[in-house]
Amino acid sequence: MQSTDLDRLERRARRGYEQARIRRALLGVLPVALLVALVFCLRLHPHPLVMLVVGAGAFALGAALLWFGREPARAVLPGLLAGLLPLWLALCSRHWGHVCSDSECMSMCLPVCAAGGVLAGLVVSWYGALRGRKVWFWVSASGMTLLTGAVGATCAGYQGVLTVATGYGLGLAAGFMVARLRRSRRSPDGTP
C-alpha cells in the first residue's frame, strides 16, 4: 500500500469513529427529545414555542456533552434527572388551584420553581460529592440541570427560570457546605 492509500484509509476510519460517537450521543439524549415532545403533545405548557426552544437547547447541550465524553458525559444523566424536579414541579404547579395566564402567573409557580431548583442543586451536589467529581462535572451537570428545569419553569416566564437558577445555586451551595462539614469532621487518618 502506498502512503495515500493509508491516509485515505485512516481518514475513513476516523470519520466512521466520529459518526459512531455522534450517533451514540444523539441516542443518549433521545429521552430529552421525548420528554419535550410529551410536554408539547399533552399541552402542559402555556408557551409551547419557548418550551421547544429551551428543550432544543437541553438536547443540544446533552448531545455535545455525551459526544465530548469524560467528566462532562458523566454529568448528563445526573443533570437530566435533577432537572426533572423543577420541570415537573413547575408544570404541576399550574394545576394546583391557581390561575396562570399567558401574561402572568399567580400564587404557587415561583415558590415551586424555587423549591425545585433547591432540590435539584442538592441532588447534583450530593451526587457529585459522593462520586468525587471534578470541576467539569459540576459545570456540565449544572448546565444540563438548569436547561432541563427551564423547560418547565418557562411556564412562569423568565422569572420562573431565574427563580429555578437562584434556587439551584442555593441548593448547590448548601450541598457543598454539608460535604465540606463532613470532610472536616473526619480525622486525619480518614475515619469518622
N, C-alpha and C. Protein backbone atom coordinates (compact mmCIF):
# COMPACT_ATOMS: atom_id res chain seq x y z
N MET A 1 0.84 -1.19 0.00
CA MET A 1 0.00 0.00 0.00
C MET A 1 0.87 1.23 0.00
N GLN A 2 0.39 2.21 -0.69
CA GLN A 2 1.12 3.46 -0.73
C GLN A 2 0.65 4.37 0.41
N SER A 3 1.37 5.44 0.60
CA SER A 3 1.07 6.40 1.67
C SER A 3 -0.31 7.02 1.49
N THR A 4 -0.69 7.32 0.27
CA THR A 4 -2.00 7.95 0.05
C THR A 4 -3.13 6.97 0.37
N ASP A 5 -2.94 5.68 0.09
CA ASP A 5 -3.96 4.69 0.43
C ASP A 5 -4.12 4.59 1.94
N LEU A 6 -3.00 4.63 2.67
CA LEU A 6 -3.06 4.57 4.12
C LEU A 6 -3.73 5.83 4.69
N ASP A 7 -3.42 6.97 4.12
CA ASP A 7 -4.05 8.22 4.57
C ASP A 7 -5.56 8.18 4.34
N ARG A 8 -5.96 7.71 3.19
CA ARG A 8 -7.39 7.61 2.88
C ARG A 8 -8.08 6.63 3.82
N LEU A 9 -7.44 5.50 4.07
CA LEU A 9 -8.00 4.51 4.98
C LEU A 9 -8.10 5.07 6.40
N GLU A 10 -7.08 5.81 6.81
CA GLU A 10 -7.10 6.41 8.14
C GLU A 10 -8.21 7.47 8.25
N ARG A 11 -8.38 8.28 7.23
CA ARG A 11 -9.46 9.28 7.24
C ARG A 11 -10.83 8.62 7.29
N ARG A 12 -10.99 7.54 6.54
CA ARG A 12 -12.27 6.82 6.54
C ARG A 12 -12.55 6.22 7.92
N ALA A 13 -11.53 5.65 8.54
CA ALA A 13 -11.70 5.08 9.88
C ALA A 13 -12.03 6.17 10.89
N ARG A 14 -11.35 7.30 10.81
CA ARG A 14 -11.62 8.42 11.72
C ARG A 14 -13.05 8.94 11.54
N ARG A 15 -13.48 9.09 10.30
CA ARG A 15 -14.83 9.57 10.01
C ARG A 15 -15.87 8.59 10.56
N GLY A 16 -15.64 7.29 10.37
CA GLY A 16 -16.57 6.29 10.90
C GLY A 16 -16.63 6.32 12.43
N TYR A 17 -15.48 6.50 13.04
CA TYR A 17 -15.41 6.59 14.51
C TYR A 17 -16.20 7.80 15.01
N GLU A 18 -16.00 8.95 14.40
CA GLU A 18 -16.69 10.17 14.82
C GLU A 18 -18.19 10.07 14.56
N GLN A 19 -18.58 9.48 13.46
CA GLN A 19 -20.01 9.31 13.17
C GLN A 19 -20.66 8.40 14.20
N ALA A 20 -19.96 7.36 14.61
CA ALA A 20 -20.49 6.46 15.64
C ALA A 20 -20.64 7.19 16.97
N ARG A 21 -19.68 8.04 17.32
CA ARG A 21 -19.77 8.82 18.56
C ARG A 21 -20.95 9.78 18.51
N ILE A 22 -21.18 10.40 17.36
CA ILE A 22 -22.30 11.33 17.23
C ILE A 22 -23.63 10.57 17.34
N ARG A 23 -23.72 9.41 16.70
CA ARG A 23 -24.94 8.61 16.80
C ARG A 23 -25.22 8.19 18.24
N ARG A 24 -24.18 7.76 18.96
CA ARG A 24 -24.35 7.37 20.36
C ARG A 24 -24.79 8.56 21.21
N ALA A 25 -24.21 9.73 20.95
CA ALA A 25 -24.58 10.93 21.71
C ALA A 25 -26.04 11.30 21.46
N LEU A 26 -26.47 11.24 20.21
CA LEU A 26 -27.86 11.58 19.88
C LEU A 26 -28.83 10.58 20.49
N LEU A 27 -28.47 9.31 20.46
CA LEU A 27 -29.32 8.30 21.09
C LEU A 27 -29.35 8.48 22.61
N GLY A 28 -28.23 8.91 23.17
CA GLY A 28 -28.16 9.13 24.62
C GLY A 28 -29.08 10.23 25.12
N VAL A 29 -29.30 11.24 24.30
CA VAL A 29 -30.19 12.35 24.72
C VAL A 29 -31.57 12.25 24.09
N LEU A 30 -31.86 11.13 23.46
CA LEU A 30 -33.20 10.92 22.92
C LEU A 30 -34.29 11.08 23.99
N PRO A 31 -34.06 10.65 25.25
CA PRO A 31 -35.09 10.88 26.27
C PRO A 31 -35.44 12.36 26.46
N VAL A 32 -34.48 13.25 26.26
CA VAL A 32 -34.78 14.69 26.37
C VAL A 32 -35.77 15.09 25.29
N ALA A 33 -35.53 14.64 24.07
CA ALA A 33 -36.44 14.96 22.97
C ALA A 33 -37.82 14.36 23.22
N LEU A 34 -37.87 13.14 23.73
CA LEU A 34 -39.15 12.51 24.02
C LEU A 34 -39.89 13.24 25.14
N LEU A 35 -39.17 13.69 26.14
CA LEU A 35 -39.77 14.44 27.24
C LEU A 35 -40.38 15.75 26.74
N VAL A 36 -39.62 16.49 25.94
CA VAL A 36 -40.12 17.75 25.39
C VAL A 36 -41.33 17.50 24.49
N ALA A 37 -41.26 16.44 23.68
CA ALA A 37 -42.38 16.11 22.80
C ALA A 37 -43.62 15.74 23.63
N LEU A 38 -43.42 15.03 24.73
CA LEU A 38 -44.54 14.66 25.59
C LEU A 38 -45.20 15.90 26.20
N VAL A 39 -44.39 16.81 26.72
CA VAL A 39 -44.92 18.04 27.31
C VAL A 39 -45.66 18.84 26.24
N PHE A 40 -45.10 18.88 25.04
CA PHE A 40 -45.71 19.62 23.94
C PHE A 40 -47.04 18.98 23.53
N CYS A 41 -47.03 17.66 23.33
CA CYS A 41 -48.24 16.97 22.85
C CYS A 41 -49.37 16.98 23.88
N LEU A 42 -49.02 16.90 25.15
CA LEU A 42 -50.05 16.92 26.19
C LEU A 42 -50.50 18.33 26.54
N ARG A 43 -49.90 19.31 25.89
CA ARG A 43 -50.25 20.72 26.10
C ARG A 43 -50.16 21.11 27.57
N LEU A 44 -49.07 20.69 28.21
CA LEU A 44 -48.87 21.00 29.62
C LEU A 44 -48.24 22.37 29.82
N HIS A 45 -47.78 22.97 28.76
CA HIS A 45 -47.03 24.23 28.85
C HIS A 45 -47.79 25.34 28.13
N PRO A 46 -47.93 26.51 28.78
CA PRO A 46 -48.69 27.59 28.13
C PRO A 46 -47.94 28.29 26.99
N HIS A 47 -46.62 28.12 26.94
CA HIS A 47 -45.80 28.76 25.90
C HIS A 47 -45.03 27.66 25.15
N PRO A 48 -45.69 26.94 24.26
CA PRO A 48 -45.04 25.77 23.64
C PRO A 48 -43.80 26.11 22.81
N LEU A 49 -43.79 27.25 22.14
CA LEU A 49 -42.62 27.58 21.32
C LEU A 49 -41.39 27.87 22.17
N VAL A 50 -41.59 28.59 23.26
CA VAL A 50 -40.47 28.87 24.17
C VAL A 50 -39.96 27.56 24.76
N MET A 51 -40.89 26.69 25.15
CA MET A 51 -40.52 25.40 25.72
C MET A 51 -39.75 24.56 24.70
N LEU A 52 -40.15 24.60 23.43
CA LEU A 52 -39.44 23.85 22.40
C LEU A 52 -38.02 24.38 22.20
N VAL A 53 -37.85 25.69 22.24
CA VAL A 53 -36.51 26.27 22.07
C VAL A 53 -35.60 25.88 23.23
N VAL A 54 -36.12 25.99 24.45
CA VAL A 54 -35.31 25.61 25.62
C VAL A 54 -35.03 24.10 25.60
N GLY A 55 -36.03 23.32 25.23
CA GLY A 55 -35.83 21.87 25.11
C GLY A 55 -34.79 21.51 24.06
N ALA A 56 -34.80 22.24 22.93
CA ALA A 56 -33.77 22.01 21.91
C ALA A 56 -32.39 22.36 22.44
N GLY A 57 -32.31 23.39 23.26
CA GLY A 57 -31.03 23.74 23.89
C GLY A 57 -30.54 22.65 24.82
N ALA A 58 -31.45 22.08 25.61
CA ALA A 58 -31.09 20.98 26.51
C ALA A 58 -30.64 19.76 25.70
N PHE A 59 -31.34 19.48 24.61
CA PHE A 59 -30.96 18.36 23.74
C PHE A 59 -29.57 18.58 23.15
N ALA A 60 -29.33 19.78 22.64
CA ALA A 60 -28.04 20.07 22.02
C ALA A 60 -26.90 20.01 23.03
N LEU A 61 -27.12 20.57 24.23
CA LEU A 61 -26.08 20.53 25.26
C LEU A 61 -25.80 19.09 25.66
N GLY A 62 -26.85 18.31 25.89
CA GLY A 62 -26.65 16.91 26.26
C GLY A 62 -25.90 16.12 25.20
N ALA A 63 -26.25 16.34 23.93
CA ALA A 63 -25.56 15.65 22.84
C ALA A 63 -24.09 16.07 22.78
N ALA A 64 -23.82 17.35 22.94
CA ALA A 64 -22.44 17.82 22.90
C ALA A 64 -21.63 17.25 24.06
N LEU A 65 -22.22 17.19 25.25
CA LEU A 65 -21.51 16.65 26.41
C LEU A 65 -21.24 15.16 26.24
N LEU A 66 -22.22 14.42 25.73
CA LEU A 66 -22.01 12.99 25.50
C LEU A 66 -20.98 12.75 24.41
N TRP A 67 -21.00 13.57 23.38
CA TRP A 67 -20.01 13.43 22.31
C TRP A 67 -18.61 13.71 22.84
N PHE A 68 -18.48 14.74 23.69
CA PHE A 68 -17.17 15.10 24.22
C PHE A 68 -16.61 14.00 25.10
N GLY A 69 -17.45 13.39 25.93
CA GLY A 69 -17.00 12.30 26.78
C GLY A 69 -16.44 12.76 28.11
N ARG A 70 -15.76 11.87 28.81
CA ARG A 70 -15.11 12.11 30.08
C ARG A 70 -16.07 12.65 31.15
N GLU A 71 -15.61 13.57 31.97
CA GLU A 71 -16.42 14.13 33.06
C GLU A 71 -17.72 14.78 32.55
N PRO A 72 -17.67 15.58 31.48
CA PRO A 72 -18.94 16.16 31.01
C PRO A 72 -19.98 15.11 30.63
N ALA A 73 -19.56 14.02 30.03
CA ALA A 73 -20.52 12.97 29.66
C ALA A 73 -21.12 12.31 30.90
N ARG A 74 -20.31 12.20 31.95
CA ARG A 74 -20.82 11.60 33.20
C ARG A 74 -21.84 12.49 33.89
N ALA A 75 -21.91 13.75 33.49
CA ALA A 75 -22.82 14.70 34.13
C ALA A 75 -24.20 14.74 33.48
N VAL A 76 -24.35 14.15 32.32
CA VAL A 76 -25.61 14.28 31.58
C VAL A 76 -26.77 13.63 32.32
N LEU A 77 -26.64 12.39 32.71
CA LEU A 77 -27.75 11.69 33.37
C LEU A 77 -28.08 12.31 34.73
N PRO A 78 -27.10 12.53 35.61
CA PRO A 78 -27.46 13.19 36.89
C PRO A 78 -28.06 14.58 36.68
N GLY A 79 -27.53 15.32 35.72
CA GLY A 79 -28.07 16.65 35.45
C GLY A 79 -29.49 16.58 34.92
N LEU A 80 -29.74 15.65 34.04
CA LEU A 80 -31.09 15.48 33.49
C LEU A 80 -32.07 15.06 34.57
N LEU A 81 -31.69 14.09 35.38
CA LEU A 81 -32.60 13.62 36.44
C LEU A 81 -32.86 14.71 37.48
N ALA A 82 -31.83 15.47 37.84
CA ALA A 82 -32.02 16.56 38.79
C ALA A 82 -32.90 17.65 38.18
N GLY A 83 -32.75 17.91 36.90
CA GLY A 83 -33.55 18.92 36.22
C GLY A 83 -35.02 18.55 36.11
N LEU A 84 -35.33 17.26 36.21
CA LEU A 84 -36.73 16.84 36.16
C LEU A 84 -37.52 17.35 37.36
N LEU A 85 -36.83 17.55 38.49
CA LEU A 85 -37.52 18.04 39.69
C LEU A 85 -38.16 19.41 39.45
N PRO A 86 -37.38 20.44 39.07
CA PRO A 86 -38.04 21.73 38.83
C PRO A 86 -38.96 21.71 37.61
N LEU A 87 -38.64 20.89 36.62
CA LEU A 87 -39.50 20.82 35.44
C LEU A 87 -40.90 20.36 35.81
N TRP A 88 -41.00 19.21 36.45
CA TRP A 88 -42.31 18.66 36.77
C TRP A 88 -43.02 19.46 37.87
N LEU A 89 -42.27 19.95 38.84
CA LEU A 89 -42.91 20.77 39.88
C LEU A 89 -43.52 22.03 39.28
N ALA A 90 -42.79 22.67 38.36
CA ALA A 90 -43.32 23.88 37.73
C ALA A 90 -44.54 23.58 36.88
N LEU A 91 -44.49 22.50 36.12
CA LEU A 91 -45.64 22.16 35.28
C LEU A 91 -46.85 21.75 36.12
N CYS A 92 -46.61 21.02 37.19
CA CYS A 92 -47.72 20.59 38.05
C CYS A 92 -48.31 21.75 38.83
N SER A 93 -47.49 22.73 39.17
CA SER A 93 -47.99 23.85 39.97
C SER A 93 -49.05 24.65 39.22
N ARG A 94 -49.05 24.57 37.92
CA ARG A 94 -50.07 25.26 37.14
C ARG A 94 -51.46 24.68 37.38
N HIS A 95 -51.53 23.46 37.88
CA HIS A 95 -52.82 22.78 38.03
C HIS A 95 -53.20 22.60 39.50
N TRP A 96 -52.57 23.36 40.40
CA TRP A 96 -52.86 23.22 41.83
C TRP A 96 -53.81 24.28 42.34
N GLY A 97 -54.78 24.66 41.57
CA GLY A 97 -55.83 25.54 42.04
C GLY A 97 -55.54 27.02 41.99
N HIS A 98 -54.62 27.43 41.16
CA HIS A 98 -54.39 28.86 40.98
C HIS A 98 -54.42 29.18 39.50
N VAL A 99 -54.32 30.44 39.18
CA VAL A 99 -54.52 30.87 37.81
C VAL A 99 -53.20 31.27 37.17
N CYS A 100 -52.91 30.69 36.02
CA CYS A 100 -51.78 31.09 35.19
C CYS A 100 -52.35 31.46 33.83
N SER A 101 -52.07 32.65 33.40
CA SER A 101 -52.47 33.05 32.05
C SER A 101 -51.21 33.23 31.22
N ASP A 102 -51.37 33.57 29.98
CA ASP A 102 -50.20 33.76 29.12
C ASP A 102 -49.36 34.95 29.56
N SER A 103 -49.96 35.92 30.21
CA SER A 103 -49.21 37.13 30.57
C SER A 103 -48.70 37.11 32.01
N GLU A 104 -49.30 36.31 32.88
CA GLU A 104 -48.86 36.35 34.27
C GLU A 104 -49.22 35.06 34.97
N CYS A 105 -48.44 34.75 36.00
CA CYS A 105 -48.66 33.55 36.78
C CYS A 105 -48.76 33.95 38.25
N MET A 106 -49.79 33.51 38.91
CA MET A 106 -50.00 33.91 40.30
C MET A 106 -49.91 32.71 41.22
N SER A 107 -49.61 32.99 42.45
CA SER A 107 -49.65 32.05 43.54
C SER A 107 -48.43 31.15 43.62
N MET A 108 -48.54 29.88 43.28
CA MET A 108 -47.53 28.89 43.62
C MET A 108 -46.39 28.72 42.62
N CYS A 109 -46.47 29.24 41.44
CA CYS A 109 -45.46 28.95 40.41
C CYS A 109 -44.03 29.29 40.84
N LEU A 110 -43.81 30.52 41.28
CA LEU A 110 -42.44 30.92 41.62
C LEU A 110 -41.91 30.22 42.86
N PRO A 111 -42.69 30.09 43.94
CA PRO A 111 -42.16 29.32 45.08
C PRO A 111 -41.86 27.86 44.73
N VAL A 112 -42.69 27.27 43.90
CA VAL A 112 -42.45 25.88 43.50
C VAL A 112 -41.21 25.79 42.61
N CYS A 113 -41.00 26.78 41.73
CA CYS A 113 -39.78 26.81 40.91
C CYS A 113 -38.55 26.92 41.80
N ALA A 114 -38.63 27.75 42.84
CA ALA A 114 -37.50 27.90 43.77
C ALA A 114 -37.23 26.59 44.50
N ALA A 115 -38.30 25.95 44.98
CA ALA A 115 -38.13 24.67 45.68
C ALA A 115 -37.54 23.60 44.76
N GLY A 116 -38.02 23.56 43.53
CA GLY A 116 -37.46 22.60 42.57
C GLY A 116 -36.00 22.87 42.29
N GLY A 117 -35.62 24.14 42.18
CA GLY A 117 -34.22 24.49 41.97
C GLY A 117 -33.35 24.09 43.15
N VAL A 118 -33.84 24.33 44.38
CA VAL A 118 -33.08 23.94 45.58
C VAL A 118 -32.90 22.43 45.62
N LEU A 119 -33.97 21.70 45.37
CA LEU A 119 -33.88 20.23 45.38
C LEU A 119 -32.90 19.74 44.30
N ALA A 120 -32.96 20.33 43.12
CA ALA A 120 -32.05 19.93 42.04
C ALA A 120 -30.60 20.22 42.43
N GLY A 121 -30.35 21.36 43.04
CA GLY A 121 -29.00 21.70 43.47
C GLY A 121 -28.49 20.72 44.53
N LEU A 122 -29.36 20.35 45.44
CA LEU A 122 -28.97 19.37 46.47
C LEU A 122 -28.65 18.02 45.86
N VAL A 123 -29.46 17.60 44.89
CA VAL A 123 -29.23 16.30 44.24
C VAL A 123 -27.88 16.29 43.52
N VAL A 124 -27.61 17.34 42.74
CA VAL A 124 -26.35 17.40 41.99
C VAL A 124 -25.16 17.46 42.94
N SER A 125 -25.25 18.27 44.00
CA SER A 125 -24.12 18.38 44.92
C SER A 125 -23.91 17.07 45.69
N TRP A 126 -25.00 16.42 46.05
CA TRP A 126 -24.88 15.13 46.74
C TRP A 126 -24.21 14.11 45.84
N TYR A 127 -24.69 13.99 44.61
CA TYR A 127 -24.13 13.01 43.68
C TYR A 127 -22.67 13.32 43.36
N GLY A 128 -22.38 14.58 43.08
CA GLY A 128 -21.01 14.97 42.74
C GLY A 128 -20.04 14.73 43.89
N ALA A 129 -20.47 15.04 45.12
CA ALA A 129 -19.61 14.81 46.28
C ALA A 129 -19.45 13.32 46.55
N LEU A 130 -20.52 12.57 46.37
CA LEU A 130 -20.48 11.12 46.59
C LEU A 130 -19.49 10.45 45.64
N ARG A 131 -19.46 10.90 44.41
CA ARG A 131 -18.59 10.31 43.40
C ARG A 131 -17.23 11.01 43.29
N GLY A 132 -17.04 12.10 44.02
CA GLY A 132 -15.76 12.81 43.98
C GLY A 132 -15.46 13.40 42.60
N ARG A 133 -16.46 14.02 42.00
CA ARG A 133 -16.31 14.55 40.65
C ARG A 133 -15.50 15.83 40.61
N LYS A 134 -14.99 16.11 39.43
CA LYS A 134 -14.15 17.29 39.21
C LYS A 134 -14.97 18.44 38.64
N VAL A 135 -14.31 19.58 38.40
CA VAL A 135 -14.99 20.82 38.04
C VAL A 135 -15.82 20.70 36.76
N TRP A 136 -15.35 19.94 35.76
CA TRP A 136 -16.12 19.85 34.52
C TRP A 136 -17.42 19.09 34.72
N PHE A 137 -17.45 18.19 35.68
CA PHE A 137 -18.71 17.53 36.02
C PHE A 137 -19.70 18.57 36.56
N TRP A 138 -19.23 19.39 37.47
CA TRP A 138 -20.11 20.38 38.11
C TRP A 138 -20.66 21.37 37.10
N VAL A 139 -19.81 21.85 36.22
CA VAL A 139 -20.24 22.81 35.21
C VAL A 139 -21.24 22.16 34.25
N SER A 140 -20.92 20.96 33.80
CA SER A 140 -21.80 20.26 32.84
C SER A 140 -23.12 19.86 33.47
N ALA A 141 -23.08 19.32 34.69
CA ALA A 141 -24.31 18.92 35.37
C ALA A 141 -25.18 20.13 35.66
N SER A 142 -24.56 21.24 36.01
CA SER A 142 -25.33 22.45 36.28
C SER A 142 -26.03 22.94 35.01
N GLY A 143 -25.31 22.96 33.91
CA GLY A 143 -25.92 23.38 32.65
C GLY A 143 -27.07 22.48 32.24
N MET A 144 -26.86 21.19 32.36
CA MET A 144 -27.90 20.23 31.98
C MET A 144 -29.12 20.35 32.91
N THR A 145 -28.87 20.49 34.21
CA THR A 145 -29.96 20.62 35.17
C THR A 145 -30.76 21.89 34.92
N LEU A 146 -30.06 23.00 34.74
CA LEU A 146 -30.76 24.28 34.56
C LEU A 146 -31.56 24.32 33.26
N LEU A 147 -31.00 23.78 32.19
CA LEU A 147 -31.77 23.77 30.94
C LEU A 147 -32.98 22.84 31.01
N THR A 148 -32.80 21.69 31.65
CA THR A 148 -33.92 20.77 31.79
C THR A 148 -35.00 21.38 32.68
N GLY A 149 -34.59 21.98 33.78
CA GLY A 149 -35.56 22.64 34.66
C GLY A 149 -36.25 23.81 33.99
N ALA A 150 -35.51 24.53 33.14
CA ALA A 150 -36.07 25.69 32.46
C ALA A 150 -37.17 25.30 31.47
N VAL A 151 -37.15 24.06 30.99
CA VAL A 151 -38.22 23.61 30.10
C VAL A 151 -39.57 23.78 30.80
N GLY A 152 -39.63 23.45 32.07
CA GLY A 152 -40.88 23.62 32.82
C GLY A 152 -41.04 25.01 33.38
N ALA A 153 -39.95 25.60 33.83
CA ALA A 153 -40.02 26.90 34.51
C ALA A 153 -40.41 28.04 33.58
N THR A 154 -40.26 27.85 32.28
CA THR A 154 -40.65 28.91 31.36
C THR A 154 -42.15 29.14 31.37
N CYS A 155 -42.91 28.24 31.99
CA CYS A 155 -44.35 28.48 32.11
C CYS A 155 -44.62 29.68 33.00
N ALA A 156 -43.68 30.03 33.86
CA ALA A 156 -43.80 31.21 34.71
C ALA A 156 -43.01 32.38 34.13
N GLY A 157 -42.55 32.25 32.90
CA GLY A 157 -41.80 33.32 32.26
C GLY A 157 -40.34 33.33 32.68
N TYR A 158 -39.66 34.42 32.37
CA TYR A 158 -38.24 34.49 32.71
C TYR A 158 -38.05 34.50 34.22
N GLN A 159 -39.07 34.98 34.98
CA GLN A 159 -38.94 34.95 36.44
C GLN A 159 -38.84 33.50 36.95
N GLY A 160 -39.58 32.62 36.33
CA GLY A 160 -39.51 31.20 36.72
C GLY A 160 -38.13 30.61 36.47
N VAL A 161 -37.54 30.95 35.34
CA VAL A 161 -36.20 30.45 35.02
C VAL A 161 -35.18 31.03 36.01
N LEU A 162 -35.27 32.33 36.29
CA LEU A 162 -34.35 32.95 37.25
C LEU A 162 -34.55 32.39 38.65
N THR A 163 -35.78 32.08 39.00
CA THR A 163 -36.06 31.51 40.31
C THR A 163 -35.48 30.11 40.44
N VAL A 164 -35.61 29.31 39.39
CA VAL A 164 -35.01 27.97 39.40
C VAL A 164 -33.49 28.09 39.52
N ALA A 165 -32.90 29.00 38.77
CA ALA A 165 -31.45 29.17 38.81
C ALA A 165 -30.98 29.64 40.19
N THR A 166 -31.71 30.54 40.80
CA THR A 166 -31.35 31.01 42.14
C THR A 166 -31.50 29.89 43.16
N GLY A 167 -32.61 29.17 43.10
CA GLY A 167 -32.80 28.04 44.00
C GLY A 167 -31.74 26.97 43.79
N TYR A 168 -31.38 26.74 42.54
CA TYR A 168 -30.34 25.75 42.24
C TYR A 168 -29.02 26.17 42.87
N GLY A 169 -28.67 27.44 42.73
CA GLY A 169 -27.43 27.93 43.33
C GLY A 169 -27.43 27.77 44.84
N LEU A 170 -28.56 28.06 45.48
CA LEU A 170 -28.65 27.90 46.93
C LEU A 170 -28.54 26.43 47.33
N GLY A 171 -29.22 25.57 46.60
CA GLY A 171 -29.14 24.13 46.89
C GLY A 171 -27.74 23.57 46.68
N LEU A 172 -27.09 24.01 45.63
CA LEU A 172 -25.73 23.56 45.35
C LEU A 172 -24.78 24.04 46.45
N ALA A 173 -24.92 25.29 46.86
CA ALA A 173 -24.07 25.83 47.93
C ALA A 173 -24.30 25.09 49.25
N ALA A 174 -25.56 24.81 49.56
CA ALA A 174 -25.87 24.07 50.78
C ALA A 174 -25.27 22.67 50.74
N GLY A 175 -25.38 22.03 49.61
CA GLY A 175 -24.79 20.69 49.46
C GLY A 175 -23.28 20.71 49.60
N PHE A 176 -22.63 21.73 49.04
CA PHE A 176 -21.18 21.86 49.19
C PHE A 176 -20.80 22.05 50.66
N MET A 177 -21.57 22.88 51.37
CA MET A 177 -21.25 23.12 52.78
C MET A 177 -21.40 21.85 53.60
N VAL A 178 -22.44 21.09 53.35
CA VAL A 178 -22.63 19.83 54.07
C VAL A 178 -21.48 18.87 53.78
N ALA A 179 -21.08 18.77 52.52
CA ALA A 179 -19.96 17.88 52.17
C ALA A 179 -18.67 18.35 52.83
N ARG A 180 -18.46 19.65 52.87
CA ARG A 180 -17.25 20.20 53.50
C ARG A 180 -17.25 19.94 54.99
N LEU A 181 -18.41 20.08 55.65
CA LEU A 181 -18.51 19.79 57.08
C LEU A 181 -18.22 18.32 57.36
N ARG A 182 -18.72 17.45 56.52
CA ARG A 182 -18.46 16.02 56.71
C ARG A 182 -16.98 15.71 56.59
N ARG A 183 -16.32 16.33 55.61
CA ARG A 183 -14.88 16.09 55.45
C ARG A 183 -14.10 16.65 56.62
N SER A 184 -14.50 17.79 57.15
CA SER A 184 -13.75 18.40 58.25
C SER A 184 -13.94 17.63 59.56
N ARG A 185 -15.01 16.88 59.70
CA ARG A 185 -15.24 16.08 60.90
C ARG A 185 -14.39 14.83 60.94
N ARG A 186 -13.92 14.40 59.80
CA ARG A 186 -13.09 13.19 59.75
C ARG A 186 -11.72 13.47 60.31
N SER A 187 -11.16 12.47 60.95
CA SER A 187 -9.80 12.61 61.48
C SER A 187 -8.80 12.49 60.35
N PRO A 188 -7.55 12.86 60.58
CA PRO A 188 -6.54 12.81 59.52
C PRO A 188 -6.35 11.43 58.89
N ASP A 189 -6.64 10.35 59.62
CA ASP A 189 -6.46 9.03 59.02
C ASP A 189 -7.67 8.59 58.21
N GLY A 190 -8.70 9.44 58.09
CA GLY A 190 -9.84 9.14 57.22
C GLY A 190 -11.01 8.49 57.91
N THR A 191 -10.91 8.22 59.23
CA THR A 191 -12.02 7.60 59.92
C THR A 191 -12.89 8.69 60.56
N PRO A 192 -14.18 8.43 60.74
CA PRO A 192 -15.06 9.43 61.34
C PRO A 192 -14.78 9.65 62.82
